[in-house]
Amino acid sequence: MADQIDSFYIDKTLYSGRPLNSSGRLPKELRTYDLLDDLNISFVRLDHSPLPTIEACQEVDSILETNVCKNLFLCNAQKTNFYLLLLPGNKKFRTAVVSKQIGTARLSFAEPEFMEEFLDITPGSVSVLGLMNDKEKRVHLLIDREVLDHEYFACHPCINTSSLKFKTSDLFDKIIPAMSCRYTLVDLP
């Protein structure tokens, strides 16, 4: 695994705000920057080659001086209820613990086609910012309480070739309300 992580390209330059040149950037990424700009949220950006797993984000964590949040797209067995779970990157997902706390049958990972349909994101790029694309409010946000303990929050801008860092208070006070999404705090051991 270490050899794979070492093969990723990471531009170690931290940029303030959106890219000056948007050529080659996907519309979903640009919508992310539009949202943050519209909300007057200051953020830093780090560009890199695709980072498909949270383990591959370790060098990004070091450069950003915070941990990229783990984002898991989940559903119930009937595929009628969908959830986006945010938790610190170093925490393990315990389906039984989360399922019990929210009063649902055991959760599992949802298929990529639901992720693309509801959030306009693909595996490896899952981000809380994708909730801006959930016009029908099909996805319920679950947040591990420990996320609140960190001054900064880091995630992808709906594509896994950049990572963003902004204040956690901006996530709760500006971004989540602007996306009109409901959330539930959970406690993972």
N, C-alpha and C. Protein backbone atom coordinates (compact mmCIF):
# COMPACT_ATOMS: atom_id res chain seq x y z
N MET A 1 0.82 -1.19 0.00
CA MET A 1 0.00 0.00 0.00
C MET A 1 0.86 1.26 0.00
N ALA A 2 1.95 1.27 0.76
CA ALA A 2 2.80 2.47 0.82
C ALA A 2 3.35 2.81 -0.55
N ASP A 3 3.73 1.80 -1.36
CA ASP A 3 4.24 2.07 -2.70
C ASP A 3 3.18 2.74 -3.56
N GLN A 4 1.91 2.31 -3.41
CA GLN A 4 0.84 2.93 -4.17
C GLN A 4 0.64 4.38 -3.75
N ILE A 5 0.67 4.64 -2.46
CA ILE A 5 0.47 6.00 -1.97
C ILE A 5 1.60 6.89 -2.44
N ASP A 6 2.84 6.39 -2.43
CA ASP A 6 3.98 7.19 -2.86
C ASP A 6 3.90 7.55 -4.33
N SER A 7 3.14 6.79 -5.14
CA SER A 7 3.08 7.05 -6.57
C SER A 7 2.08 8.17 -6.92
N PHE A 8 1.31 8.64 -5.97
CA PHE A 8 0.38 9.73 -6.23
C PHE A 8 1.13 11.04 -6.34
N TYR A 9 0.67 11.90 -7.25
CA TYR A 9 1.26 13.22 -7.39
C TYR A 9 0.47 14.21 -6.55
N ILE A 10 1.17 14.94 -5.71
CA ILE A 10 0.53 15.97 -4.90
C ILE A 10 1.32 17.26 -5.09
N ASP A 11 0.65 18.27 -5.61
CA ASP A 11 1.24 19.61 -5.71
C ASP A 11 1.24 20.16 -4.29
N LYS A 12 2.41 20.36 -3.72
CA LYS A 12 2.48 20.75 -2.32
C LYS A 12 2.16 22.23 -2.09
N THR A 13 1.71 22.92 -3.13
CA THR A 13 1.35 24.32 -3.02
C THR A 13 -0.08 24.44 -2.51
N LEU A 14 -0.26 25.24 -1.48
CA LEU A 14 -1.60 25.54 -1.00
C LEU A 14 -2.09 26.79 -1.70
N TYR A 15 -3.23 26.68 -2.33
CA TYR A 15 -3.83 27.81 -3.04
C TYR A 15 -4.97 28.38 -2.21
N SER A 16 -5.13 29.66 -2.25
CA SER A 16 -6.23 30.30 -1.55
C SER A 16 -7.39 30.44 -2.53
N GLY A 17 -8.49 29.76 -2.23
CA GLY A 17 -9.69 29.86 -3.06
C GLY A 17 -9.66 29.00 -4.31
N ARG A 18 -10.56 29.34 -5.22
CA ARG A 18 -10.79 28.57 -6.43
C ARG A 18 -9.62 28.71 -7.40
N PRO A 19 -9.51 27.78 -8.36
CA PRO A 19 -8.46 27.88 -9.38
C PRO A 19 -8.66 29.12 -10.25
N LEU A 20 -7.58 29.79 -10.59
CA LEU A 20 -7.68 30.96 -11.46
C LEU A 20 -8.09 30.55 -12.86
N ASN A 21 -7.64 29.37 -13.30
CA ASN A 21 -7.98 28.85 -14.62
C ASN A 21 -8.88 27.63 -14.41
N SER A 22 -10.10 27.70 -14.91
CA SER A 22 -11.04 26.60 -14.70
C SER A 22 -11.05 25.57 -15.82
N SER A 23 -10.18 25.73 -16.82
CA SER A 23 -10.17 24.75 -17.91
C SER A 23 -9.73 23.40 -17.36
N GLY A 24 -10.41 22.37 -17.80
CA GLY A 24 -10.13 21.02 -17.35
C GLY A 24 -10.83 20.66 -16.04
N ARG A 25 -11.49 21.60 -15.42
CA ARG A 25 -12.23 21.34 -14.18
C ARG A 25 -13.66 20.95 -14.52
N LEU A 26 -14.20 19.99 -13.81
CA LEU A 26 -15.56 19.52 -14.08
C LEU A 26 -16.59 20.50 -13.52
N PRO A 27 -17.76 20.58 -14.15
CA PRO A 27 -18.82 21.48 -13.66
C PRO A 27 -19.17 21.27 -12.19
N LYS A 28 -19.18 20.01 -11.72
CA LYS A 28 -19.52 19.77 -10.32
C LYS A 28 -18.48 20.36 -9.38
N GLU A 29 -17.22 20.37 -9.79
CA GLU A 29 -16.18 20.99 -8.98
C GLU A 29 -16.36 22.52 -8.97
N LEU A 30 -16.64 23.07 -10.13
CA LEU A 30 -16.84 24.52 -10.23
C LEU A 30 -18.06 24.98 -9.42
N ARG A 31 -19.12 24.15 -9.40
CA ARG A 31 -20.30 24.47 -8.58
C ARG A 31 -19.93 24.53 -7.09
N THR A 32 -18.99 23.67 -6.70
CA THR A 32 -18.53 23.69 -5.31
C THR A 32 -17.88 25.02 -4.98
N TYR A 33 -17.00 25.49 -5.87
CA TYR A 33 -16.34 26.78 -5.63
C TYR A 33 -17.35 27.92 -5.67
N ASP A 34 -18.34 27.82 -6.55
CA ASP A 34 -19.40 28.84 -6.60
C ASP A 34 -20.13 28.91 -5.26
N LEU A 35 -20.48 27.74 -4.71
CA LEU A 35 -21.18 27.70 -3.43
C LEU A 35 -20.35 28.36 -2.34
N LEU A 36 -19.08 27.97 -2.24
CA LEU A 36 -18.22 28.53 -1.20
C LEU A 36 -18.02 30.03 -1.39
N ASP A 37 -17.86 30.47 -2.62
CA ASP A 37 -17.72 31.91 -2.90
C ASP A 37 -18.99 32.66 -2.55
N ASP A 38 -20.15 32.10 -2.93
CA ASP A 38 -21.44 32.75 -2.63
C ASP A 38 -21.65 32.92 -1.13
N LEU A 39 -21.09 31.99 -0.34
CA LEU A 39 -21.24 32.03 1.11
C LEU A 39 -20.09 32.79 1.79
N ASN A 40 -19.20 33.35 0.99
CA ASN A 40 -18.03 34.08 1.51
C ASN A 40 -17.19 33.24 2.46
N ILE A 41 -16.96 32.00 2.06
CA ILE A 41 -16.15 31.09 2.87
C ILE A 41 -14.73 31.07 2.34
N SER A 42 -13.79 31.40 3.20
CA SER A 42 -12.37 31.32 2.85
C SER A 42 -11.94 29.86 2.95
N PHE A 43 -11.18 29.43 1.96
CA PHE A 43 -10.69 28.05 1.98
C PHE A 43 -9.35 27.98 1.28
N VAL A 44 -8.59 26.95 1.62
CA VAL A 44 -7.36 26.66 0.89
C VAL A 44 -7.59 25.39 0.11
N ARG A 45 -6.88 25.29 -1.00
CA ARG A 45 -7.04 24.16 -1.92
C ARG A 45 -5.69 23.53 -2.18
N LEU A 46 -5.68 22.23 -2.25
CA LEU A 46 -4.49 21.46 -2.58
C LEU A 46 -4.85 20.58 -3.76
N ASP A 47 -4.11 20.69 -4.85
CA ASP A 47 -4.37 19.87 -6.03
C ASP A 47 -3.46 18.64 -6.02
N HIS A 48 -3.97 17.54 -6.55
CA HIS A 48 -3.22 16.28 -6.55
C HIS A 48 -3.82 15.33 -7.57
N SER A 49 -3.13 14.23 -7.80
CA SER A 49 -3.71 13.19 -8.66
C SER A 49 -4.85 12.54 -7.88
N PRO A 50 -5.70 11.76 -8.56
CA PRO A 50 -6.84 11.14 -7.87
C PRO A 50 -6.39 10.34 -6.64
N LEU A 51 -7.05 10.60 -5.52
CA LEU A 51 -6.78 9.87 -4.28
C LEU A 51 -8.04 9.07 -3.96
N PRO A 52 -8.04 7.78 -4.29
CA PRO A 52 -9.26 6.99 -4.21
C PRO A 52 -9.66 6.53 -2.80
N THR A 53 -8.76 6.61 -1.83
CA THR A 53 -9.08 6.12 -0.49
C THR A 53 -8.63 7.12 0.56
N ILE A 54 -9.15 6.96 1.75
CA ILE A 54 -8.75 7.83 2.86
C ILE A 54 -7.29 7.59 3.21
N GLU A 55 -6.79 6.37 3.03
CA GLU A 55 -5.39 6.07 3.31
C GLU A 55 -4.47 6.85 2.38
N ALA A 56 -4.92 7.05 1.15
CA ALA A 56 -4.12 7.79 0.18
C ALA A 56 -4.06 9.28 0.51
N CYS A 57 -4.90 9.74 1.41
CA CYS A 57 -4.97 11.16 1.78
C CYS A 57 -4.00 11.53 2.90
N GLN A 58 -3.18 10.61 3.37
CA GLN A 58 -2.32 10.90 4.51
C GLN A 58 -1.35 12.05 4.25
N GLU A 59 -0.75 12.11 3.08
CA GLU A 59 0.15 13.22 2.79
C GLU A 59 -0.63 14.53 2.67
N VAL A 60 -1.83 14.46 2.12
CA VAL A 60 -2.69 15.64 2.03
C VAL A 60 -2.99 16.15 3.44
N ASP A 61 -3.30 15.23 4.36
CA ASP A 61 -3.54 15.61 5.76
C ASP A 61 -2.36 16.40 6.32
N SER A 62 -1.18 15.91 6.05
CA SER A 62 0.03 16.55 6.56
C SER A 62 0.20 17.96 6.00
N ILE A 63 -0.02 18.12 4.70
CA ILE A 63 0.15 19.43 4.06
C ILE A 63 -0.94 20.40 4.53
N LEU A 64 -2.17 19.92 4.64
CA LEU A 64 -3.28 20.77 5.07
C LEU A 64 -3.28 21.02 6.59
N GLU A 65 -2.51 20.23 7.30
CA GLU A 65 -2.43 20.30 8.76
C GLU A 65 -3.79 20.05 9.42
N THR A 66 -4.53 19.16 8.83
CA THR A 66 -5.79 18.67 9.39
C THR A 66 -6.10 17.35 8.68
N ASN A 67 -7.07 16.61 9.17
CA ASN A 67 -7.41 15.34 8.54
C ASN A 67 -8.57 15.49 7.58
N VAL A 68 -8.41 14.92 6.38
CA VAL A 68 -9.52 14.87 5.44
C VAL A 68 -10.57 13.96 6.06
N CYS A 69 -11.79 14.43 6.06
CA CYS A 69 -12.88 13.70 6.68
C CYS A 69 -13.26 12.50 5.81
N LYS A 70 -13.55 11.39 6.46
CA LYS A 70 -14.04 10.20 5.75
C LYS A 70 -15.53 10.42 5.49
N ASN A 71 -15.96 10.20 4.25
CA ASN A 71 -17.35 10.37 3.83
C ASN A 71 -17.85 9.05 3.28
N LEU A 72 -18.84 8.47 3.92
CA LEU A 72 -19.36 7.17 3.50
C LEU A 72 -20.81 7.32 3.04
N PHE A 73 -21.09 6.80 1.85
CA PHE A 73 -22.44 6.84 1.29
C PHE A 73 -23.11 5.51 1.58
N LEU A 74 -24.18 5.54 2.35
CA LEU A 74 -24.80 4.33 2.89
C LEU A 74 -26.28 4.27 2.57
N CYS A 75 -26.85 3.07 2.73
CA CYS A 75 -28.30 2.91 2.57
C CYS A 75 -28.79 1.77 3.44
N ASN A 76 -30.12 1.72 3.62
CA ASN A 76 -30.71 0.59 4.32
C ASN A 76 -30.84 -0.58 3.34
N ALA A 77 -31.23 -1.73 3.86
CA ALA A 77 -31.30 -2.94 3.03
C ALA A 77 -32.30 -2.81 1.88
N GLN A 78 -33.37 -2.06 2.09
CA GLN A 78 -34.41 -1.90 1.07
C GLN A 78 -34.02 -0.86 0.01
N LYS A 79 -32.94 -0.14 0.26
CA LYS A 79 -32.47 0.92 -0.65
C LYS A 79 -33.54 2.02 -0.80
N THR A 80 -34.17 2.33 0.34
CA THR A 80 -35.16 3.40 0.35
C THR A 80 -34.69 4.62 1.14
N ASN A 81 -33.74 4.41 2.03
CA ASN A 81 -33.18 5.50 2.83
C ASN A 81 -31.67 5.56 2.59
N PHE A 82 -31.19 6.77 2.33
CA PHE A 82 -29.78 6.96 2.00
C PHE A 82 -29.16 7.95 2.97
N TYR A 83 -27.89 7.72 3.28
CA TYR A 83 -27.20 8.50 4.29
C TYR A 83 -25.78 8.82 3.81
N LEU A 84 -25.31 9.99 4.22
CA LEU A 84 -23.92 10.35 4.05
C LEU A 84 -23.36 10.51 5.45
N LEU A 85 -22.39 9.67 5.80
CA LEU A 85 -21.79 9.69 7.13
C LEU A 85 -20.43 10.36 7.06
N LEU A 86 -20.24 11.40 7.88
CA LEU A 86 -18.95 12.08 8.00
C LEU A 86 -18.32 11.64 9.31
N LEU A 87 -17.08 11.21 9.24
CA LEU A 87 -16.36 10.84 10.45
C LEU A 87 -14.88 11.11 10.25
N PRO A 88 -14.15 11.30 11.33
CA PRO A 88 -12.71 11.51 11.19
C PRO A 88 -12.08 10.38 10.39
N GLY A 89 -11.08 10.71 9.59
CA GLY A 89 -10.46 9.73 8.70
C GLY A 89 -9.86 8.53 9.39
N ASN A 90 -9.48 8.69 10.66
CA ASN A 90 -8.85 7.58 11.38
C ASN A 90 -9.84 6.70 12.12
N LYS A 91 -11.13 7.02 12.07
CA LYS A 91 -12.14 6.23 12.79
C LYS A 91 -12.67 5.11 11.92
N LYS A 92 -13.01 4.01 12.57
CA LYS A 92 -13.61 2.87 11.88
C LYS A 92 -15.12 3.03 11.84
N PHE A 93 -15.72 2.63 10.73
CA PHE A 93 -17.17 2.62 10.59
C PHE A 93 -17.71 1.35 11.21
N ARG A 94 -18.62 1.49 12.15
CA ARG A 94 -19.27 0.35 12.80
C ARG A 94 -20.76 0.43 12.46
N THR A 95 -21.15 -0.36 11.47
CA THR A 95 -22.52 -0.28 10.97
C THR A 95 -23.55 -0.53 12.06
N ALA A 96 -23.31 -1.48 12.94
CA ALA A 96 -24.29 -1.79 13.98
C ALA A 96 -24.48 -0.61 14.93
N VAL A 97 -23.39 0.08 15.25
CA VAL A 97 -23.46 1.22 16.17
C VAL A 97 -24.27 2.35 15.56
N VAL A 98 -23.96 2.69 14.31
CA VAL A 98 -24.66 3.78 13.64
C VAL A 98 -26.12 3.41 13.41
N SER A 99 -26.37 2.22 12.93
CA SER A 99 -27.74 1.77 12.67
C SER A 99 -28.61 1.87 13.91
N LYS A 100 -28.07 1.43 15.05
CA LYS A 100 -28.82 1.48 16.30
C LYS A 100 -29.11 2.93 16.70
N GLN A 101 -28.12 3.81 16.55
CA GLN A 101 -28.30 5.20 16.97
C GLN A 101 -29.37 5.93 16.15
N ILE A 102 -29.50 5.57 14.89
CA ILE A 102 -30.50 6.27 14.06
C ILE A 102 -31.79 5.46 13.90
N GLY A 103 -31.85 4.29 14.53
CA GLY A 103 -33.08 3.50 14.55
C GLY A 103 -33.45 2.92 13.20
N THR A 104 -32.48 2.35 12.52
CA THR A 104 -32.76 1.73 11.22
C THR A 104 -32.12 0.36 11.15
N ALA A 105 -32.56 -0.41 10.17
CA ALA A 105 -31.93 -1.72 9.93
C ALA A 105 -30.48 -1.49 9.56
N ARG A 106 -29.72 -2.53 9.61
CA ARG A 106 -28.28 -2.44 9.35
C ARG A 106 -28.00 -1.73 8.03
N LEU A 107 -27.11 -0.76 8.10
CA LEU A 107 -26.71 0.01 6.93
C LEU A 107 -25.60 -0.71 6.17
N SER A 108 -25.57 -0.46 4.88
CA SER A 108 -24.46 -0.97 4.05
C SER A 108 -24.09 0.11 3.05
N PHE A 109 -23.02 -0.11 2.33
CA PHE A 109 -22.59 0.86 1.33
C PHE A 109 -23.57 0.86 0.16
N ALA A 110 -23.97 2.05 -0.24
CA ALA A 110 -24.91 2.19 -1.36
C ALA A 110 -24.16 2.06 -2.69
N GLU A 111 -24.86 1.63 -3.70
CA GLU A 111 -24.27 1.45 -5.02
C GLU A 111 -23.90 2.81 -5.64
N PRO A 112 -22.85 2.81 -6.46
CA PRO A 112 -22.39 4.05 -7.09
C PRO A 112 -23.46 4.76 -7.92
N GLU A 113 -24.38 4.03 -8.51
CA GLU A 113 -25.39 4.70 -9.34
C GLU A 113 -26.29 5.61 -8.51
N PHE A 114 -26.55 5.26 -7.25
CA PHE A 114 -27.33 6.14 -6.37
C PHE A 114 -26.52 7.39 -6.01
N MET A 115 -25.24 7.19 -5.77
CA MET A 115 -24.34 8.29 -5.46
C MET A 115 -24.32 9.31 -6.59
N GLU A 116 -24.23 8.79 -7.81
CA GLU A 116 -24.20 9.68 -8.98
C GLU A 116 -25.56 10.35 -9.20
N GLU A 117 -26.63 9.59 -9.03
CA GLU A 117 -27.98 10.14 -9.25
C GLU A 117 -28.32 11.23 -8.23
N PHE A 118 -28.04 10.98 -6.96
CA PHE A 118 -28.45 11.92 -5.91
C PHE A 118 -27.45 13.05 -5.67
N LEU A 119 -26.15 12.73 -5.74
CA LEU A 119 -25.13 13.70 -5.33
C LEU A 119 -24.21 14.16 -6.47
N ASP A 120 -24.32 13.56 -7.64
CA ASP A 120 -23.45 13.88 -8.77
C ASP A 120 -21.97 13.71 -8.42
N ILE A 121 -21.69 12.62 -7.70
CA ILE A 121 -20.31 12.28 -7.37
C ILE A 121 -20.07 10.80 -7.62
N THR A 122 -18.81 10.44 -7.71
CA THR A 122 -18.42 9.06 -7.99
C THR A 122 -17.60 8.52 -6.82
N PRO A 123 -17.47 7.20 -6.73
CA PRO A 123 -16.68 6.62 -5.64
C PRO A 123 -15.28 7.24 -5.60
N GLY A 124 -14.79 7.46 -4.39
CA GLY A 124 -13.49 8.10 -4.20
C GLY A 124 -13.58 9.61 -4.12
N SER A 125 -14.71 10.17 -4.53
CA SER A 125 -14.91 11.62 -4.52
C SER A 125 -16.02 12.05 -3.58
N VAL A 126 -16.50 11.14 -2.75
CA VAL A 126 -17.64 11.44 -1.89
C VAL A 126 -17.29 12.61 -0.97
N SER A 127 -18.21 13.54 -0.89
CA SER A 127 -17.99 14.76 -0.12
C SER A 127 -19.32 15.31 0.38
N VAL A 128 -19.28 15.90 1.56
CA VAL A 128 -20.46 16.57 2.09
C VAL A 128 -20.94 17.65 1.13
N LEU A 129 -20.03 18.23 0.36
CA LEU A 129 -20.39 19.28 -0.59
C LEU A 129 -21.28 18.76 -1.72
N GLY A 130 -21.29 17.46 -1.95
CA GLY A 130 -22.16 16.86 -2.94
C GLY A 130 -23.64 17.00 -2.59
N LEU A 131 -23.93 17.27 -1.32
CA LEU A 131 -25.33 17.45 -0.91
C LEU A 131 -25.98 18.65 -1.58
N MET A 132 -25.17 19.57 -2.11
CA MET A 132 -25.76 20.72 -2.83
C MET A 132 -26.47 20.24 -4.10
N ASN A 133 -26.12 19.05 -4.58
CA ASN A 133 -26.73 18.50 -5.79
C ASN A 133 -27.97 17.65 -5.49
N ASP A 134 -28.26 17.42 -4.23
CA ASP A 134 -29.39 16.58 -3.83
C ASP A 134 -30.66 17.44 -3.76
N LYS A 135 -31.19 17.76 -4.92
CA LYS A 135 -32.34 18.66 -5.01
C LYS A 135 -33.60 18.09 -4.36
N GLU A 136 -33.74 16.77 -4.37
CA GLU A 136 -34.93 16.14 -3.80
C GLU A 136 -34.75 15.76 -2.33
N LYS A 137 -33.59 16.08 -1.77
CA LYS A 137 -33.29 15.81 -0.35
C LYS A 137 -33.49 14.34 0.00
N ARG A 138 -32.89 13.49 -0.81
CA ARG A 138 -32.99 12.04 -0.60
C ARG A 138 -31.96 11.52 0.40
N VAL A 139 -30.90 12.29 0.64
CA VAL A 139 -29.79 11.82 1.46
C VAL A 139 -29.80 12.54 2.80
N HIS A 140 -29.79 11.77 3.87
CA HIS A 140 -29.75 12.32 5.23
C HIS A 140 -28.29 12.34 5.68
N LEU A 141 -27.86 13.45 6.22
CA LEU A 141 -26.48 13.63 6.67
C LEU A 141 -26.33 13.15 8.11
N LEU A 142 -25.34 12.28 8.32
CA LEU A 142 -24.96 11.81 9.65
C LEU A 142 -23.55 12.31 9.92
N ILE A 143 -23.33 12.87 11.09
CA ILE A 143 -22.02 13.43 11.41
C ILE A 143 -21.56 12.89 12.76
N ASP A 144 -20.39 12.27 12.76
CA ASP A 144 -19.81 11.83 14.01
C ASP A 144 -19.50 13.07 14.85
N ARG A 145 -19.91 13.04 16.10
CA ARG A 145 -19.78 14.19 16.99
C ARG A 145 -18.33 14.69 17.09
N GLU A 146 -17.37 13.81 16.92
CA GLU A 146 -15.96 14.19 17.01
C GLU A 146 -15.56 15.22 15.94
N VAL A 147 -16.27 15.25 14.82
CA VAL A 147 -15.98 16.24 13.77
C VAL A 147 -16.08 17.65 14.34
N LEU A 148 -16.98 17.86 15.27
CA LEU A 148 -17.18 19.17 15.89
C LEU A 148 -15.97 19.62 16.70
N ASP A 149 -15.14 18.68 17.13
CA ASP A 149 -13.99 19.00 17.98
C ASP A 149 -12.83 19.63 17.23
N HIS A 150 -12.88 19.60 15.92
CA HIS A 150 -11.76 20.10 15.11
C HIS A 150 -12.05 21.50 14.60
N GLU A 151 -11.04 22.36 14.65
CA GLU A 151 -11.21 23.73 14.18
C GLU A 151 -11.43 23.78 12.67
N TYR A 152 -10.75 22.87 11.95
CA TYR A 152 -10.84 22.86 10.50
C TYR A 152 -11.43 21.57 9.98
N PHE A 153 -12.01 21.66 8.82
CA PHE A 153 -12.65 20.54 8.14
C PHE A 153 -12.02 20.45 6.75
N ALA A 154 -11.74 19.23 6.31
CA ALA A 154 -11.16 19.04 4.97
C ALA A 154 -11.95 17.99 4.22
N CYS A 155 -12.18 18.25 2.93
CA CYS A 155 -12.93 17.33 2.08
C CYS A 155 -12.58 17.61 0.62
N HIS A 156 -13.06 16.77 -0.26
CA HIS A 156 -12.89 16.98 -1.70
C HIS A 156 -13.99 17.91 -2.21
N PRO A 157 -13.72 18.65 -3.29
CA PRO A 157 -14.75 19.50 -3.91
C PRO A 157 -15.56 18.71 -4.95
N CYS A 158 -16.10 17.56 -4.53
CA CYS A 158 -16.90 16.67 -5.39
C CYS A 158 -16.07 15.99 -6.48
N ILE A 159 -14.76 16.07 -6.36
CA ILE A 159 -13.84 15.37 -7.27
C ILE A 159 -12.57 15.09 -6.47
N ASN A 160 -11.97 13.92 -6.67
CA ASN A 160 -10.85 13.54 -5.81
C ASN A 160 -9.47 13.96 -6.34
N THR A 161 -9.43 15.05 -7.10
CA THR A 161 -8.16 15.58 -7.58
C THR A 161 -7.80 16.89 -6.90
N SER A 162 -8.56 17.27 -5.91
CA SER A 162 -8.27 18.43 -5.06
C SER A 162 -8.83 18.15 -3.68
N SER A 163 -8.26 18.82 -2.70
CA SER A 163 -8.79 18.76 -1.33
C SER A 163 -8.89 20.18 -0.82
N LEU A 164 -9.92 20.45 -0.03
CA LEU A 164 -10.18 21.78 0.49
C LEU A 164 -10.12 21.76 2.01
N LYS A 165 -9.73 22.89 2.57
CA LYS A 165 -9.72 23.06 4.03
C LYS A 165 -10.41 24.38 4.35
N PHE A 166 -11.38 24.31 5.26
CA PHE A 166 -12.06 25.52 5.72
C PHE A 166 -12.47 25.30 7.18
N LYS A 167 -12.96 26.32 7.81
CA LYS A 167 -13.35 26.22 9.22
C LYS A 167 -14.56 25.30 9.39
N THR A 168 -14.49 24.46 10.40
CA THR A 168 -15.61 23.57 10.71
C THR A 168 -16.85 24.39 11.03
N SER A 169 -16.67 25.53 11.66
CA SER A 169 -17.83 26.39 11.96
C SER A 169 -18.52 26.85 10.67
N ASP A 170 -17.77 27.04 9.58
CA ASP A 170 -18.38 27.41 8.30
C ASP A 170 -19.24 26.27 7.75
N LEU A 171 -18.79 25.03 7.99
CA LEU A 171 -19.58 23.88 7.55
C LEU A 171 -20.95 23.89 8.24
N PHE A 172 -20.95 24.08 9.56
CA PHE A 172 -22.19 24.00 10.32
C PHE A 172 -23.03 25.28 10.26
N ASP A 173 -22.36 26.43 10.22
CA ASP A 173 -23.10 27.70 10.28
C ASP A 173 -23.52 28.24 8.92
N LYS A 174 -22.82 27.84 7.86
CA LYS A 174 -23.10 28.40 6.53
C LYS A 174 -23.44 27.34 5.48
N ILE A 175 -22.56 26.35 5.32
CA ILE A 175 -22.70 25.41 4.21
C ILE A 175 -23.93 24.52 4.37
N ILE A 176 -24.04 23.84 5.51
CA ILE A 176 -25.17 22.93 5.72
C ILE A 176 -26.51 23.68 5.63
N PRO A 177 -26.64 24.85 6.28
CA PRO A 177 -27.91 25.59 6.12
C PRO A 177 -28.17 26.02 4.68
N ALA A 178 -27.13 26.41 3.95
CA ALA A 178 -27.32 26.85 2.55
C ALA A 178 -27.79 25.69 1.67
N MET A 179 -27.39 24.47 2.00
CA MET A 179 -27.82 23.31 1.23
C MET A 179 -29.16 22.78 1.72
N SER A 180 -29.70 23.39 2.76
CA SER A 180 -31.00 22.98 3.35
C SER A 180 -31.07 21.49 3.64
N CYS A 181 -29.98 20.96 4.18
CA CYS A 181 -30.03 19.53 4.50
C CYS A 181 -30.11 19.35 6.02
N ARG A 182 -30.81 18.32 6.39
CA ARG A 182 -30.94 17.98 7.81
C ARG A 182 -29.78 17.05 8.18
N TYR A 183 -29.40 17.08 9.45
CA TYR A 183 -28.34 16.17 9.88
C TYR A 183 -28.61 15.65 11.27
N THR A 184 -27.97 14.53 11.57
CA THR A 184 -28.05 13.89 12.87
C THR A 184 -26.64 13.64 13.36
N LEU A 185 -26.37 14.01 14.62
CA LEU A 185 -25.07 13.71 15.21
C LEU A 185 -25.10 12.29 15.75
N VAL A 186 -24.02 11.55 15.50
CA VAL A 186 -23.87 10.18 16.01
C VAL A 186 -22.55 10.08 16.77
N ASP A 187 -22.43 9.07 17.61
CA ASP A 187 -21.22 8.85 18.39
C ASP A 187 -20.63 7.49 18.03
N LEU A 188 -19.52 7.50 17.31
CA LEU A 188 -18.83 6.27 16.97
C LEU A 188 -17.67 6.06 17.94
N PRO A 189 -17.50 4.84 18.45
CA PRO A 189 -16.40 4.60 19.39
C PRO A 189 -15.04 4.67 18.70
